[in-house]
Amino acid sequence: MYRIIKIDGTELGITDSVRYIRIGDSGDLTPCGSEDAIGVAYLSVPYNLVGYRLIEGADTVVVSAVDAGSLAFQQGNLVDELILAALEG
């Protein structure tokens, strides 16, 4: 899984796969591999990758790999704590 984070620290979300993009020969954004990418598309919105500013008007993001198992475990613990707090109250 991958976490998409704007450089101001705002987390946009988590995704199973990253849709890397570049500017194609026609000038349009087109899918590509990570080695040719200047940005990513997340929820159909284009973002520049750190180090690039070629997508005009787009925010810059960092793509960070996350351990899905660890993330699910943390979320489960949070839910358990919320349930216990509700039952005690």
PDB file of N, CA and C in Angstrom:
ATOM      1  N   MET A   1       0.853  -1.178   0.000  1.00  0.00           N
ATOM      2  CA  MET A   1       0.000   0.000   0.000  1.00  0.00           C
ATOM      3  C   MET A   1       0.896   1.237   0.000  1.00  0.00           C
ATOM      4  N   TYR A   2       0.311   2.331  -0.446  1.00  0.00           N
ATOM      5  CA  TYR A   2       1.062   3.569  -0.557  1.00  0.00           C
ATOM      6  C   TYR A   2       0.257   4.716   0.043  1.00  0.00           C
ATOM      7  N   ARG A   3       0.948   5.568   0.762  1.00  0.00           N
ATOM      8  CA  ARG A   3       0.350   6.762   1.349  1.00  0.00           C
ATOM      9  C   ARG A   3       0.755   7.943   0.462  1.00  0.00           C
ATOM     10  N   ILE A   4      -0.218   8.780   0.100  1.00  0.00           N
ATOM     11  CA  ILE A   4       0.024   9.964  -0.721  1.00  0.00           C
ATOM     12  C   ILE A   4      -0.081  11.178   0.202  1.00  0.00           C
ATOM     13  N   ILE A   5       1.033  11.924   0.333  1.00  0.00           N
ATOM     14  CA  ILE A   5       1.097  13.035   1.280  1.00  0.00           C
ATOM     15  C   ILE A   5       1.575  14.291   0.566  1.00  0.00           C
ATOM     16  N   LYS A   6       0.814  15.389   0.695  1.00  0.00           N
ATOM     17  CA  LYS A   6       1.252  16.671   0.150  1.00  0.00           C
ATOM     18  C   LYS A   6       2.451  17.160   0.955  1.00  0.00           C
ATOM     19  N   ILE A   7       3.283  17.991   0.344  1.00  0.00           N
ATOM     20  CA  ILE A   7       4.498  18.433   1.043  1.00  0.00           C
ATOM     21  C   ILE A   7       4.204  19.323   2.242  1.00  0.00           C
ATOM     22  N   ASP A   8       2.970  19.810   2.355  1.00  0.00           N
ATOM     23  CA  ASP A   8       2.618  20.579   3.558  1.00  0.00           C
ATOM     24  C   ASP A   8       2.214  19.657   4.709  1.00  0.00           C
ATOM     25  N   GLY A   9       2.257  18.332   4.469  1.00  0.00           N
ATOM     26  CA  GLY A   9       1.930  17.365   5.506  1.00  0.00           C
ATOM     27  C   GLY A   9       0.519  16.817   5.441  1.00  0.00           C
ATOM     28  N   THR A  10      -0.323  17.369   4.590  1.00  0.00           N
ATOM     29  CA  THR A  10      -1.695  16.893   4.451  1.00  0.00           C
ATOM     30  C   THR A  10      -1.705  15.517   3.792  1.00  0.00           C
ATOM     31  N   GLU A  11      -2.305  14.546   4.463  1.00  0.00           N
ATOM     32  CA  GLU A  11      -2.401  13.213   3.871  1.00  0.00           C
ATOM     33  C   GLU A  11      -3.621  13.156   2.972  1.00  0.00           C
ATOM     34  N   LEU A  12      -3.399  12.815   1.698  1.00  0.00           N
ATOM     35  CA  LEU A  12      -4.504  12.712   0.751  1.00  0.00           C
ATOM     36  C   LEU A  12      -5.211  11.375   0.870  1.00  0.00           C
ATOM     37  N   GLY A  13      -4.453  10.324   1.161  1.00  0.00           N
ATOM     38  CA  GLY A  13      -5.070   9.017   1.306  1.00  0.00           C
ATOM     39  C   GLY A  13      -4.092   7.882   1.123  1.00  0.00           C
ATOM     40  N   ILE A  14      -4.637   6.678   1.137  1.00  0.00           N
ATOM     41  CA  ILE A  14      -3.853   5.462   0.987  1.00  0.00           C
ATOM     42  C   ILE A  14      -4.434   4.684  -0.184  1.00  0.00           C
ATOM     43  N   THR A  15      -3.555   4.090  -0.991  1.00  0.00           N
ATOM     44  CA  THR A  15      -3.990   3.352  -2.168  1.00  0.00           C
ATOM     45  C   THR A  15      -3.191   2.065  -2.310  1.00  0.00           C
ATOM     46  N   ASP A  16      -3.792   1.086  -2.976  1.00  0.00           N
ATOM     47  CA  ASP A  16      -3.122  -0.189  -3.214  1.00  0.00           C
ATOM     48  C   ASP A  16      -2.008  -0.066  -4.245  1.00  0.00           C
ATOM     49  N   SER A  17      -2.204   0.791  -5.223  1.00  0.00           N
ATOM     50  CA  SER A  17      -1.195   0.970  -6.267  1.00  0.00           C
ATOM     51  C   SER A  17      -1.116   2.443  -6.647  1.00  0.00           C
ATOM     52  N   VAL A  18       0.008   2.812  -7.210  1.00  0.00           N
ATOM     53  CA  VAL A  18       0.246   4.210  -7.585  1.00  0.00           C
ATOM     54  C   VAL A  18       0.108   4.338  -9.091  1.00  0.00           C
ATOM     55  N   ARG A  19      -0.620   5.345  -9.536  1.00  0.00           N
ATOM     56  CA  ARG A  19      -0.739   5.626 -10.966  1.00  0.00           C
ATOM     57  C   ARG A  19       0.240   6.754 -11.299  1.00  0.00           C
ATOM     58  N   TYR A  20       1.411   6.354 -11.771  1.00  0.00           N
ATOM     59  CA  TYR A  20       2.438   7.326 -12.149  1.00  0.00           C
ATOM     60  C   TYR A  20       2.089   7.930 -13.495  1.00  0.00           C
ATOM     61  N   ILE A  21       2.422   9.213 -13.662  1.00  0.00           N
ATOM     62  CA  ILE A  21       2.106   9.917 -14.903  1.00  0.00           C
ATOM     63  C   ILE A  21       3.299  10.738 -15.373  1.00  0.00           C
ATOM     64  N   ARG A  22       3.285  11.036 -16.668  1.00  0.00           N
ATOM     65  CA  ARG A  22       4.267  11.907 -17.295  1.00  0.00           C
ATOM     66  C   ARG A  22       3.548  12.716 -18.356  1.00  0.00           C
ATOM     67  N   ILE A  23       4.242  13.679 -18.939  1.00  0.00           N
ATOM     68  CA  ILE A  23       3.672  14.445 -20.039  1.00  0.00           C
ATOM     69  C   ILE A  23       4.036  13.714 -21.325  1.00  0.00           C
ATOM     70  N   GLY A  24       3.015  13.298 -22.079  1.00  0.00           N
ATOM     71  CA  GLY A  24       3.215  12.548 -23.310  1.00  0.00           C
ATOM     72  C   GLY A  24       3.632  13.435 -24.472  1.00  0.00           C
ATOM     73  N   ASP A  25       3.889  12.810 -25.605  1.00  0.00           N
ATOM     74  CA  ASP A  25       4.322  13.531 -26.809  1.00  0.00           C
ATOM     75  C   ASP A  25       3.309  14.570 -27.257  1.00  0.00           C
ATOM     76  N   SER A  26       2.020  14.325 -27.009  1.00  0.00           N
ATOM     77  CA  SER A  26       0.972  15.266 -27.412  1.00  0.00           C
ATOM     78  C   SER A  26       0.793  16.393 -26.398  1.00  0.00           C
ATOM     79  N   GLY A  27       1.503  16.303 -25.267  1.00  0.00           N
ATOM     80  CA  GLY A  27       1.366  17.319 -24.229  1.00  0.00           C
ATOM     81  C   GLY A  27       0.366  16.957 -23.149  1.00  0.00           C
ATOM     82  N   ASP A  28      -0.335  15.852 -23.333  1.00  0.00           N
ATOM     83  CA  ASP A  28      -1.299  15.385 -22.340  1.00  0.00           C
ATOM     84  C   ASP A  28      -0.603  14.519 -21.297  1.00  0.00           C
ATOM     85  N   LEU A  29      -1.218  14.416 -20.115  1.00  0.00           N
ATOM     86  CA  LEU A  29      -0.703  13.525 -19.088  1.00  0.00           C
ATOM     87  C   LEU A  29      -1.034  12.092 -19.472  1.00  0.00           C
ATOM     88  N   THR A  30      -0.074  11.208 -19.300  1.00  0.00           N
ATOM     89  CA  THR A  30      -0.256   9.817 -19.691  1.00  0.00           C
ATOM     90  C   THR A  30       0.348   8.888 -18.644  1.00  0.00           C
ATOM     91  N   PRO A  31      -0.221   7.710 -18.452  1.00  0.00           N
ATOM     92  CA  PRO A  31       0.356   6.762 -17.489  1.00  0.00           C
ATOM     93  C   PRO A  31       1.762   6.334 -17.909  1.00  0.00           C
ATOM     94  N   CYS A  32       2.589   5.995 -16.927  1.00  0.00           N
ATOM     95  CA  CYS A  32       3.947   5.538 -17.203  1.00  0.00           C
ATOM     96  C   CYS A  32       4.460   4.750 -16.008  1.00  0.00           C
ATOM     97  N   GLY A  33       5.649   4.219 -16.131  1.00  0.00           N
ATOM     98  CA  GLY A  33       6.294   3.540 -15.021  1.00  0.00           C
ATOM     99  C   GLY A  33       6.928   4.546 -14.071  1.00  0.00           C
ATOM    100  N   SER A  34       7.282   4.084 -12.894  1.00  0.00           N
ATOM    101  CA  SER A  34       7.835   4.988 -11.881  1.00  0.00           C
ATOM    102  C   SER A  34       9.137   5.650 -12.331  1.00  0.00           C
ATOM    103  N   GLU A  35       9.912   4.958 -13.176  1.00  0.00           N
ATOM    104  CA  GLU A  35      11.195   5.505 -13.611  1.00  0.00           C
ATOM    105  C   GLU A  35      11.060   6.715 -14.534  1.00  0.00           C
ATOM    106  N   ASP A  36       9.922   6.864 -15.230  1.00  0.00           N
ATOM    107  CA  ASP A  36       9.695   7.990 -16.136  1.00  0.00           C
ATOM    108  C   ASP A  36       8.747   9.036 -15.569  1.00  0.00           C
ATOM    109  N   ALA A  37       8.264   8.824 -14.356  1.00  0.00           N
ATOM    110  CA  ALA A  37       7.195   9.663 -13.795  1.00  0.00           C
ATOM    111  C   ALA A  37       7.696  11.037 -13.356  1.00  0.00           C
ATOM    112  N   ILE A  38       6.828  12.012 -13.590  1.00  0.00           N
ATOM    113  CA  ILE A  38       7.026  13.358 -13.041  1.00  0.00           C
ATOM    114  C   ILE A  38       5.943  13.664 -12.012  1.00  0.00           C
ATOM    115  N   GLY A  39       4.938  12.781 -11.971  1.00  0.00           N
ATOM    116  CA  GLY A  39       3.833  12.994 -11.050  1.00  0.00           C
ATOM    117  C   GLY A  39       3.034  11.726 -10.857  1.00  0.00           C
ATOM    118  N   VAL A  40       1.951  11.877 -10.103  1.00  0.00           N
ATOM    119  CA  VAL A  40       1.008  10.784  -9.887  1.00  0.00           C
ATOM    120  C   VAL A  40      -0.404  11.330 -10.054  1.00  0.00           C
ATOM    121  N   ALA A  41      -1.323  10.424 -10.378  1.00  0.00           N
ATOM    122  CA  ALA A  41      -2.744  10.772 -10.391  1.00  0.00           C
ATOM    123  C   ALA A  41      -3.381  10.026  -9.225  1.00  0.00           C
ATOM    124  N   TYR A  42      -4.039  10.771  -8.358  1.00  0.00           N
ATOM    125  CA  TYR A  42      -4.730  10.164  -7.231  1.00  0.00           C
ATOM    126  C   TYR A  42      -6.168  10.658  -7.234  1.00  0.00           C
ATOM    127  N   LEU A  43      -7.127   9.752  -7.305  1.00  0.00           N
ATOM    128  CA  LEU A  43      -8.549  10.075  -7.434  1.00  0.00           C
ATOM    129  C   LEU A  43      -8.779  11.013  -8.623  1.00  0.00           C
ATOM    130  N   SER A  44      -8.095  10.724  -9.718  1.00  0.00           N
ATOM    131  CA  SER A  44      -8.188  11.460 -10.994  1.00  0.00           C
ATOM    132  C   SER A  44      -7.640  12.877 -10.931  1.00  0.00           C
ATOM    133  N   VAL A  45      -6.909  13.217  -9.878  1.00  0.00           N
ATOM    134  CA  VAL A  45      -6.295  14.536  -9.754  1.00  0.00           C
ATOM    135  C   VAL A  45      -4.785  14.373  -9.938  1.00  0.00           C
ATOM    136  N   PRO A  46      -4.180  15.180 -10.846  1.00  0.00           N
ATOM    137  CA  PRO A  46      -2.728  15.070 -11.036  1.00  0.00           C
ATOM    138  C   PRO A  46      -1.951  15.844  -9.973  1.00  0.00           C
ATOM    139  N   TYR A  47      -0.826  15.266  -9.550  1.00  0.00           N
ATOM    140  CA  TYR A  47       0.069  15.892  -8.579  1.00  0.00           C
ATOM    141  C   TYR A  47       1.504  15.745  -9.058  1.00  0.00           C
ATOM    142  N   ASN A  48       2.315  16.766  -8.827  1.00  0.00           N
ATOM    143  CA  ASN A  48       3.746  16.680  -9.088  1.00  0.00           C
ATOM    144  C   ASN A  48       4.398  15.811  -8.031  1.00  0.00           C
ATOM    145  N   LEU A  49       5.403  15.043  -8.425  1.00  0.00           N
ATOM    146  CA  LEU A  49       6.236  14.356  -7.452  1.00  0.00           C
ATOM    147  C   LEU A  49       7.304  15.328  -6.957  1.00  0.00           C
ATOM    148  N   VAL A  50       7.790  15.113  -5.748  1.00  0.00           N
ATOM    149  CA  VAL A  50       8.855  15.960  -5.207  1.00  0.00           C
ATOM    150  C   VAL A  50      10.010  15.986  -6.210  1.00  0.00           C
ATOM    151  N   GLY A  51      10.523  17.191  -6.481  1.00  0.00           N
ATOM    152  CA  GLY A  51      11.612  17.348  -7.432  1.00  0.00           C
ATOM    153  C   GLY A  51      11.150  17.764  -8.821  1.00  0.00           C
ATOM    154  N   TYR A  52       9.837  17.748  -9.050  1.00  0.00           N
ATOM    155  CA  TYR A  52       9.280  18.139 -10.350  1.00  0.00           C
ATOM    156  C   TYR A  52       8.224  19.217 -10.155  1.00  0.00           C
ATOM    157  N   ARG A  53       8.138  20.117 -11.133  1.00  0.00           N
ATOM    158  CA  ARG A  53       7.094  21.145 -11.127  1.00  0.00           C
ATOM    159  C   ARG A  53       6.568  21.325 -12.537  1.00  0.00           C
ATOM    160  N   LEU A  54       6.462  20.234 -13.266  1.00  0.00           N
ATOM    161  CA  LEU A  54       6.085  20.296 -14.675  1.00  0.00           C
ATOM    162  C   LEU A  54       4.584  20.271 -14.912  1.00  0.00           C
ATOM    163  N   ILE A  55       3.806  19.850 -13.915  1.00  0.00           N
ATOM    164  CA  ILE A  55       2.342  19.836 -14.054  1.00  0.00           C
ATOM    165  C   ILE A  55       1.845  21.162 -13.478  1.00  0.00           C
ATOM    166  N   GLU A  56       1.523  22.067 -14.374  1.00  0.00           N
ATOM    167  CA  GLU A  56       1.152  23.423 -13.981  1.00  0.00           C
ATOM    168  C   GLU A  56      -0.082  23.441 -13.085  1.00  0.00           C
ATOM    169  N   GLY A  57       0.012  24.159 -11.974  1.00  0.00           N
ATOM    170  CA  GLY A  57      -1.106  24.315 -11.059  1.00  0.00           C
ATOM    171  C   GLY A  57      -1.337  23.145 -10.121  1.00  0.00           C
ATOM    172  N   ALA A  58      -0.493  22.106 -10.206  1.00  0.00           N
ATOM    173  CA  ALA A  58      -0.676  20.916  -9.374  1.00  0.00           C
ATOM    174  C   ALA A  58       0.157  21.014  -8.101  1.00  0.00           C
ATOM    175  N   ASP A  59      -0.388  20.511  -7.006  1.00  0.00           N
ATOM    176  CA  ASP A  59       0.356  20.410  -5.752  1.00  0.00           C
ATOM    177  C   ASP A  59       1.435  19.343  -5.894  1.00  0.00           C
ATOM    178  N   THR A  60       2.384  19.366  -4.963  1.00  0.00           N
ATOM    179  CA  THR A  60       3.478  18.398  -4.945  1.00  0.00           C
ATOM    180  C   THR A  60       3.247  17.399  -3.824  1.00  0.00           C
ATOM    181  N   VAL A  61       3.518  16.120  -4.119  1.00  0.00           N
ATOM    182  CA  VAL A  61       3.283  15.061  -3.151  1.00  0.00           C
ATOM    183  C   VAL A  61       4.498  14.151  -3.008  1.00  0.00           C
ATOM    184  N   VAL A  62       4.480  13.416  -1.904  1.00  0.00           N
ATOM    185  CA  VAL A  62       5.423  12.340  -1.644  1.00  0.00           C
ATOM    186  C   VAL A  62       4.613  11.044  -1.645  1.00  0.00           C
ATOM    187  N   VAL A  63       5.145  10.012  -2.266  1.00  0.00           N
ATOM    188  CA  VAL A  63       4.529   8.691  -2.254  1.00  0.00           C
ATOM    189  C   VAL A  63       5.362   7.825  -1.327  1.00  0.00           C
ATOM    190  N   SER A  64       4.723   7.295  -0.303  1.00  0.00           N
ATOM    191  CA  SER A  64       5.428   6.528   0.715  1.00  0.00           C
ATOM    192  C   SER A  64       4.799   5.143   0.855  1.00  0.00           C
ATOM    193  N   ALA A  65       5.625   4.102   0.730  1.00  0.00           N
ATOM    194  CA  ALA A  65       5.125   2.737   0.921  1.00  0.00           C
ATOM    195  C   ALA A  65       4.822   2.511   2.397  1.00  0.00           C
ATOM    196  N   VAL A  66       3.704   1.854   2.671  1.00  0.00           N
ATOM    197  CA  VAL A  66       3.328   1.540   4.054  1.00  0.00           C
ATOM    198  C   VAL A  66       3.029   0.055   4.171  1.00  0.00           C
ATOM    199  N   ASP A  67       3.230  -0.473   5.361  1.00  0.00           N
ATOM    200  CA  ASP A  67       2.948  -1.868   5.654  1.00  0.00           C
ATOM    201  C   ASP A  67       1.467  -1.998   5.975  1.00  0.00           C
ATOM    202  N   ALA A  68       0.717  -2.633   5.090  1.00  0.00           N
ATOM    203  CA  ALA A  68      -0.734  -2.738   5.254  1.00  0.00           C
ATOM    204  C   ALA A  68      -1.113  -3.510   6.509  1.00  0.00           C
ATOM    205  N   GLY A  69      -0.366  -4.544   6.851  1.00  0.00           N
ATOM    206  CA  GLY A  69      -0.664  -5.327   8.047  1.00  0.00           C
ATOM    207  C   GLY A  69      -0.528  -4.500   9.308  1.00  0.00           C
ATOM    208  N   SER A  70       0.525  -3.735   9.402  1.00  0.00           N
ATOM    209  CA  SER A  70       0.756  -2.876  10.560  1.00  0.00           C
ATOM    210  C   SER A  70      -0.327  -1.810  10.659  1.00  0.00           C
ATOM    211  N   LEU A  71      -0.691  -1.248   9.516  1.00  0.00           N
ATOM    212  CA  LEU A  71      -1.732  -0.221   9.489  1.00  0.00           C
ATOM    213  C   LEU A  71      -3.072  -0.785   9.956  1.00  0.00           C
ATOM    214  N   ALA A  72      -3.423  -1.977   9.490  1.00  0.00           N
ATOM    215  CA  ALA A  72      -4.678  -2.616   9.903  1.00  0.00           C
ATOM    216  C   ALA A  72      -4.668  -2.932  11.392  1.00  0.00           C
ATOM    217  N   PHE A  73      -3.521  -3.375  11.914  1.00  0.00           N
ATOM    218  CA  PHE A  73      -3.392  -3.669  13.337  1.00  0.00           C
ATOM    219  C   PHE A  73      -3.614  -2.407  14.171  1.00  0.00           C
ATOM    220  N   GLN A  74      -3.013  -1.293  13.758  1.00  0.00           N
ATOM    221  CA  GLN A  74      -3.178  -0.029  14.473  1.00  0.00           C
ATOM    222  C   GLN A  74      -4.634   0.419  14.461  1.00  0.00           C
ATOM    223  N   GLN A  75      -5.300   0.291  13.317  1.00  0.00           N
ATOM    224  CA  GLN A  75      -6.701   0.692  13.212  1.00  0.00           C
ATOM    225  C   GLN A  75      -7.580  -0.183  14.107  1.00  0.00           C
ATOM    226  N   GLY A  76      -7.271  -1.481  14.140  1.00  0.00           N
ATOM    227  CA  GLY A  76      -8.028  -2.397  15.002  1.00  0.00           C
ATOM    228  C   GLY A  76      -7.901  -2.019  16.465  1.00  0.00           C
ATOM    229  N   ASN A  77      -6.690  -1.651  16.894  1.00  0.00           N
ATOM    230  CA  ASN A  77      -6.483  -1.221  18.279  1.00  0.00           C
ATOM    231  C   ASN A  77      -7.273   0.045  18.590  1.00  0.00           C
ATOM    232  N   LEU A  78      -7.314   0.962  17.650  1.00  0.00           N
ATOM    233  CA  LEU A  78      -8.062   2.200  17.844  1.00  0.00           C
ATOM    234  C   LEU A  78      -9.557   1.909  17.998  1.00  0.00           C
ATOM    235  N   VAL A  79     -10.086   1.041  17.173  1.00  0.00           N
ATOM    236  CA  VAL A  79     -11.503   0.670  17.263  1.00  0.00           C
ATOM    237  C   VAL A  79     -11.790   0.019  18.607  1.00  0.00           C
ATOM    238  N   ASP A  80     -10.911  -0.891  19.042  1.00  0.00           N
ATOM    239  CA  ASP A  80     -11.088  -1.536  20.347  1.00  0.00           C
ATOM    240  C   ASP A  80     -11.130  -0.506  21.474  1.00  0.00           C
ATOM    241  N   GLU A  81     -10.236   0.472  21.431  1.00  0.00           N
ATOM    242  CA  GLU A  81     -10.199   1.517  22.464  1.00  0.00           C
ATOM    243  C   GLU A  81     -11.477   2.343  22.458  1.00  0.00           C
ATOM    244  N   LEU A  82     -11.985   2.657  21.278  1.00  0.00           N
ATOM    245  CA  LEU A  82     -13.214   3.444  21.178  1.00  0.00           C
ATOM    246  C   LEU A  82     -14.412   2.662  21.731  1.00  0.00           C
ATOM    247  N   ILE A  83     -14.470   1.379  21.444  1.00  0.00           N
ATOM    248  CA  ILE A  83     -15.566   0.538  21.956  1.00  0.00           C
ATOM    249  C   ILE A  83     -15.508   0.458  23.474  1.00  0.00           C
ATOM    250  N   LEU A  84     -14.313   0.243  24.020  1.00  0.00           N
ATOM    251  CA  LEU A  84     -14.162   0.171  25.469  1.00  0.00           C
ATOM    252  C   LEU A  84     -14.553   1.489  26.137  1.00  0.00           C
ATOM    253  N   ALA A  85     -14.132   2.597  25.534  1.00  0.00           N
ATOM    254  CA  ALA A  85     -14.472   3.909  26.092  1.00  0.00           C
ATOM    255  C   ALA A  85     -15.982   4.130  26.072  1.00  0.00           C
ATOM    256  N   ALA A  86     -16.649   3.707  25.005  1.00  0.00           N
ATOM    257  CA  ALA A  86     -18.102   3.864  24.904  1.00  0.00           C
ATOM    258  C   ALA A  86     -18.824   3.005  25.926  1.00  0.00           C
ATOM    259  N   LEU A  87     -18.318   1.778  26.156  1.00  0.00           N
ATOM    260  CA  LEU A  87     -18.955   0.902  27.128  1.00  0.00           C
ATOM    261  C   LEU A  87     -18.754   1.383  28.565  1.00  0.00           C
ATOM    262  N   GLU A  88     -17.644   2.020  28.832  1.00  0.00           N
ATOM    263  CA  GLU A  88     -17.384   2.532  30.185  1.00  0.00           C
ATOM    264  C   GLU A  88     -18.196   3.780  30.494  1.00  0.00           C
ATOM    265  N   GLY A  89     -18.548   4.518  29.449  1.00  0.00           N
ATOM    266  CA  GLY A  89     -19.245   5.793  29.633  1.00  0.00           C
ATOM    267  C   GLY A  89     -20.673   5.663  29.803  1.00  0.00           C
TER     268      GLY A  89
END
